[in-house]
């Protein structure tokens, strides 16, 4: 009797705690059986789900924040739509060096000679005036594609000493000797248009002064003294040597177009042609500073 009483005293607190913690109207917990491998679950009394059946995915509502963000691709894409990035054009100063050849047609030179000697008949049989020019200039950038160029050049005429004749043969031909040197000082504007990454076209226009040094002399000879033997023919008659009156300073004008070839970041080569008071063709180099 005492033993049974002790058992009842020991069990009543547990029963009281269960009664307090259990909600009113609570049902018994559902029993779930788990397979030995822990993968299959079933409730006793319910039909099991086929092994191949998949549980439905929960419905997820998308928001603007869930929209995927496309990041720019790094590196160069393959395919015909890929393009190399355009090079960034920057202003740069430079120095340029060039050498060229110029010539003056006979009819233009005839007009100059007649204007310089207005008291003498027109001479129109003489060689063309040719010359070599060596020049250097400094390019000051105005924009990535245009420059102002301050340039100086030495121009040396190349004309053989010989008789200059009038068309009619009279008066007597003039044996002409030219010993001139020209100093050209000019300001040019240069504008370049890139054709490819290594080739460009440019135009140049400038004005300035041509300073003449040295001189030219003329000596009258007999009409039958041939051009090939101007001063050594037997009938040479020296009547007097006179200096040709030439203005010491002449205006200079230059217009030309050309192509330039980029060799490196610092060096490019160029060829050009145009008018430089006379028809002109030249080539040179541009060195970036």
Foldseek 3Di string as FASTA:
>chain_A
DVVVVVVVVVCVVVVVVVVVPDDPPDDDDFDWDADPVRPAIDGPPDDGDDPPDDDDDDDDDDDPVPDDDDDDDPDFDDDPVTDDDDDDQDWFKWKKWKKKKFKADQVVVQVVLCVLVVPDDGFRAFDIKMKMKIKMWIWDDPGSFKTKIWMKMKIFIDGDFWWTAHPVLPDATKGKDDGKMKIWTKIKMKGWDDPDPFKIKMKMKIKTKIFMDDFMKIWGFHSPQDGVRGCNDPRGDTPDMDTGRDDRMDIWIDIKMWMWGHPDPFKIKMWIWDDTVGTMTMIIMMGTD
